[in-house]
Amino acid sequence: MADFTAKRAAYLQIADEFKRQIRDGELSPGERLPSESELMTRHDVSRTVARQAISRLREDGYATSHQGKGSFAALPGEGGAVKHSPEFEQITEYLSEVRQDVRRLAERMDQLEDLVRQQTRAR
């Protein structure tokens, strides 16, 4: 289980744990990954953190997602390299930058939520 007291973001810790399980064969390619709700319950995190963890796995090639069916374990590079148009590559690069910006905003939101929780407990 992830150590959420560490300085590394919770979603990265969760994603890293799944990557390790996939690389070590504990999770086989094609095996269903936990849903956002299951991750929220299992790791006591917000939906944003759960969503970011799954998104990171997809971005790094360790998961594929299918609308209405869920996310499934994968190994990076499976299926061979696909040649894309320069426009596609440009759009993909831009989307990656947008995802990074959103991820940073979500991390900040999680920090703010933690501060509010701490202030509420202190009262």
C-alpha atoms as a PDB file:
ATOM      1  CA  MET A   1       0.000   0.000   0.000  1.00  0.00           C
ATOM      2  CA  ALA A   2       1.173   3.520  -0.741  1.00  0.00           C
ATOM      3  CA  ASP A   3       2.706   5.676   1.990  1.00  0.00           C
ATOM      4  CA  PHE A   4       0.675   8.873   1.743  1.00  0.00           C
ATOM      5  CA  THR A   5       2.800  10.613   4.356  1.00  0.00           C
ATOM      6  CA  ALA A   6       5.653  10.753   1.838  1.00  0.00           C
ATOM      7  CA  LYS A   7       6.324  13.885  -0.181  1.00  0.00           C
ATOM      8  CA  ARG A   8       5.403  12.144  -3.463  1.00  0.00           C
ATOM      9  CA  ALA A   9       1.842  12.764  -4.679  1.00  0.00           C
ATOM     10  CA  ALA A  10      -0.685  10.080  -3.728  1.00  0.00           C
ATOM     11  CA  TYR A  11      -1.761   9.416  -7.316  1.00  0.00           C
ATOM     12  CA  LEU A  12       1.875   8.773  -8.312  1.00  0.00           C
ATOM     13  CA  GLN A  13       2.316   6.351  -5.417  1.00  0.00           C
ATOM     14  CA  ILE A  14      -0.831   4.462  -6.412  1.00  0.00           C
ATOM     15  CA  ALA A  15       0.184   4.373 -10.089  1.00  0.00           C
ATOM     16  CA  ASP A  16       3.714   3.226  -9.184  1.00  0.00           C
ATOM     17  CA  GLU A  17       2.320   0.370  -7.110  1.00  0.00           C
ATOM     18  CA  PHE A  18       0.187  -0.843 -10.038  1.00  0.00           C
ATOM     19  CA  LYS A  19       3.150  -0.522 -12.420  1.00  0.00           C
ATOM     20  CA  ARG A  20       5.227  -2.664 -10.083  1.00  0.00           C
ATOM     21  CA  GLN A  21       2.462  -5.285  -9.858  1.00  0.00           C
ATOM     22  CA  ILE A  22       2.164  -5.383 -13.659  1.00  0.00           C
ATOM     23  CA  ARG A  23       5.940  -5.622 -14.209  1.00  0.00           C
ATOM     24  CA  ASP A  24       6.245  -8.342 -11.531  1.00  0.00           C
ATOM     25  CA  GLY A  25       3.408 -10.366 -13.047  1.00  0.00           C
ATOM     26  CA  GLU A  26       1.075  -9.940 -10.081  1.00  0.00           C
ATOM     27  CA  LEU A  27      -1.349  -8.315 -12.536  1.00  0.00           C
ATOM     28  CA  SER A  28      -1.514  -9.777 -16.029  1.00  0.00           C
ATOM     29  CA  PRO A  29      -2.031  -7.684 -19.169  1.00  0.00           C
ATOM     30  CA  GLY A  30      -5.763  -7.585 -19.849  1.00  0.00           C
ATOM     31  CA  GLU A  31      -6.675  -8.045 -16.181  1.00  0.00           C
ATOM     32  CA  ARG A  32      -9.247  -5.537 -14.946  1.00  0.00           C
ATOM     33  CA  LEU A  33      -7.920  -2.776 -12.692  1.00  0.00           C
ATOM     34  CA  PRO A  34      -9.940  -1.393  -9.763  1.00  0.00           C
ATOM     35  CA  SER A  35     -12.480   1.304 -10.596  1.00  0.00           C
ATOM     36  CA  GLU A  36     -12.135   4.879  -9.361  1.00  0.00           C
ATOM     37  CA  SER A  37     -14.606   4.096  -6.575  1.00  0.00           C
ATOM     38  CA  GLU A  38     -12.662   1.011  -5.546  1.00  0.00           C
ATOM     39  CA  LEU A  39      -9.399   3.003  -5.479  1.00  0.00           C
ATOM     40  CA  MET A  40     -11.081   5.719  -3.406  1.00  0.00           C
ATOM     41  CA  THR A  41     -12.186   3.166  -0.828  1.00  0.00           C
ATOM     42  CA  ARG A  42      -9.011   1.080  -0.842  1.00  0.00           C
ATOM     43  CA  HIS A  43      -6.617   4.044  -0.503  1.00  0.00           C
ATOM     44  CA  ASP A  44      -8.900   6.566   1.220  1.00  0.00           C
ATOM     45  CA  VAL A  45      -8.336   9.195  -1.492  1.00  0.00           C
ATOM     46  CA  SER A  46     -10.516  11.606  -3.431  1.00  0.00           C
ATOM     47  CA  ARG A  47     -12.006  10.806  -6.829  1.00  0.00           C
ATOM     48  CA  THR A  48      -9.525  13.253  -8.357  1.00  0.00           C
ATOM     49  CA  VAL A  49      -6.564  11.283  -6.981  1.00  0.00           C
ATOM     50  CA  ALA A  50      -8.044   7.966  -8.143  1.00  0.00           C
ATOM     51  CA  ARG A  51      -8.733   9.401 -11.599  1.00  0.00           C
ATOM     52  CA  GLN A  52      -5.186  10.806 -11.826  1.00  0.00           C
ATOM     53  CA  ALA A  53      -3.655   7.446 -10.885  1.00  0.00           C
ATOM     54  CA  ILE A  54      -5.562   5.659 -13.642  1.00  0.00           C
ATOM     55  CA  SER A  55      -4.758   8.444 -16.102  1.00  0.00           C
ATOM     56  CA  ARG A  56      -1.045   8.180 -15.261  1.00  0.00           C
ATOM     57  CA  LEU A  57      -1.149   4.425 -15.880  1.00  0.00           C
ATOM     58  CA  ARG A  58      -2.729   5.033 -19.311  1.00  0.00           C
ATOM     59  CA  GLU A  59      -0.222   7.757 -20.190  1.00  0.00           C
ATOM     60  CA  ASP A  60       2.700   5.508 -19.251  1.00  0.00           C
ATOM     61  CA  GLY A  61       1.300   2.541 -21.199  1.00  0.00           C
ATOM     62  CA  TYR A  62       0.391   0.406 -18.181  1.00  0.00           C
ATOM     63  CA  ALA A  63      -3.375   0.547 -18.708  1.00  0.00           C
ATOM     64  CA  THR A  64      -5.995   0.755 -21.391  1.00  0.00           C
ATOM     65  CA  SER A  65      -9.499   1.995 -20.715  1.00  0.00           C
ATOM     66  CA  HIS A  66     -12.743   1.142 -22.431  1.00  0.00           C
ATOM     67  CA  GLN A  67     -15.833   3.300 -21.959  1.00  0.00           C
ATOM     68  CA  GLY A  68     -18.325   1.527 -19.720  1.00  0.00           C
ATOM     69  CA  LYS A  69     -16.040  -1.465 -19.144  1.00  0.00           C
ATOM     70  CA  GLY A  70     -13.209  -0.076 -17.038  1.00  0.00           C
ATOM     71  CA  SER A  71      -9.435  -0.018 -17.141  1.00  0.00           C
ATOM     72  CA  PHE A  72      -7.219  -3.000 -17.830  1.00  0.00           C
ATOM     73  CA  ALA A  73      -3.564  -3.755 -17.130  1.00  0.00           C
ATOM     74  CA  ALA A  74      -1.131  -3.503 -20.030  1.00  0.00           C
ATOM     75  CA  LEU A  75       2.589  -3.560 -20.664  1.00  0.00           C
ATOM     76  CA  PRO A  76       4.106  -0.513 -22.347  1.00  0.00           C
ATOM     77  CA  GLY A  77       4.848  -1.071 -26.002  1.00  0.00           C
ATOM     78  CA  GLU A  78       2.411  -3.950 -26.495  1.00  0.00           C
ATOM     79  CA  GLY A  79       0.872  -3.916 -29.935  1.00  0.00           C
ATOM     80  CA  GLY A  80       3.928  -2.403 -31.644  1.00  0.00           C
ATOM     81  CA  ALA A  81       4.682   1.134 -32.653  1.00  0.00           C
ATOM     82  CA  VAL A  82       2.126   3.023 -34.688  1.00  0.00           C
ATOM     83  CA  LYS A  83       3.125   5.804 -37.079  1.00  0.00           C
ATOM     84  CA  HIS A  84       1.060   8.987 -36.605  1.00  0.00           C
ATOM     85  CA  SER A  85       0.761  12.146 -38.656  1.00  0.00           C
ATOM     86  CA  PRO A  86       2.684  15.271 -37.563  1.00  0.00           C
ATOM     87  CA  GLU A  87      -0.640  16.914 -36.697  1.00  0.00           C
ATOM     88  CA  PHE A  88      -1.553  14.003 -34.456  1.00  0.00           C
ATOM     89  CA  GLU A  89       1.842  14.187 -32.732  1.00  0.00           C
ATOM     90  CA  GLN A  90       1.440  17.946 -32.210  1.00  0.00           C
ATOM     91  CA  ILE A  91      -2.039  17.523 -30.726  1.00  0.00           C
ATOM     92  CA  THR A  92      -0.821  14.684 -28.519  1.00  0.00           C
ATOM     93  CA  GLU A  93       2.046  16.811 -27.230  1.00  0.00           C
ATOM     94  CA  TYR A  94      -0.333  19.694 -26.502  1.00  0.00           C
ATOM     95  CA  LEU A  95      -2.745  17.375 -24.678  1.00  0.00           C
ATOM     96  CA  SER A  96       0.128  16.014 -22.619  1.00  0.00           C
ATOM     97  CA  GLU A  97       0.982  19.561 -21.538  1.00  0.00           C
ATOM     98  CA  VAL A  98      -2.660  20.228 -20.673  1.00  0.00           C
ATOM     99  CA  ARG A  99      -2.778  17.005 -18.627  1.00  0.00           C
ATOM    100  CA  GLN A 100       0.323  18.082 -16.722  1.00  0.00           C
ATOM    101  CA  ASP A 101      -1.280  21.451 -15.970  1.00  0.00           C
ATOM    102  CA  VAL A 102      -4.485  19.784 -14.812  1.00  0.00           C
ATOM    103  CA  ARG A 103      -2.480  17.325 -12.703  1.00  0.00           C
ATOM    104  CA  ARG A 104      -0.662  20.203 -10.992  1.00  0.00           C
ATOM    105  CA  LEU A 105      -3.971  21.960 -10.344  1.00  0.00           C
ATOM    106  CA  ALA A 106      -5.466  18.759  -8.936  1.00  0.00           C
ATOM    107  CA  GLU A 107      -2.449  18.310  -6.660  1.00  0.00           C
ATOM    108  CA  ARG A 108      -2.903  21.875  -5.425  1.00  0.00           C
ATOM    109  CA  MET A 109      -6.614  21.206  -4.885  1.00  0.00           C
ATOM    110  CA  ASP A 110      -5.757  18.110  -2.833  1.00  0.00           C
ATOM    111  CA  GLN A 111      -3.331  20.183  -0.754  1.00  0.00           C
ATOM    112  CA  LEU A 112      -6.015  22.794  -0.137  1.00  0.00           C
ATOM    113  CA  GLU A 113      -8.529  20.094   0.812  1.00  0.00           C
ATOM    114  CA  ASP A 114      -5.998  18.675   3.288  1.00  0.00           C
ATOM    115  CA  LEU A 115      -5.473  22.128   4.808  1.00  0.00           C
ATOM    116  CA  VAL A 116      -9.222  22.598   5.225  1.00  0.00           C
ATOM    117  CA  ARG A 117      -9.501  19.147   6.868  1.00  0.00           C
ATOM    118  CA  GLN A 118      -6.649  19.983   9.237  1.00  0.00           C
ATOM    119  CA  GLN A 119      -8.210  23.310  10.163  1.00  0.00           C
ATOM    120  CA  THR A 120     -11.576  21.650  10.727  1.00  0.00           C
ATOM    121  CA  ARG A 121      -9.993  19.036  13.035  1.00  0.00           C
ATOM    122  CA  ALA A 122      -8.151  21.747  14.968  1.00  0.00           C
ATOM    123  CA  ARG A 123     -11.408  23.443  15.916  1.00  0.00           C
END
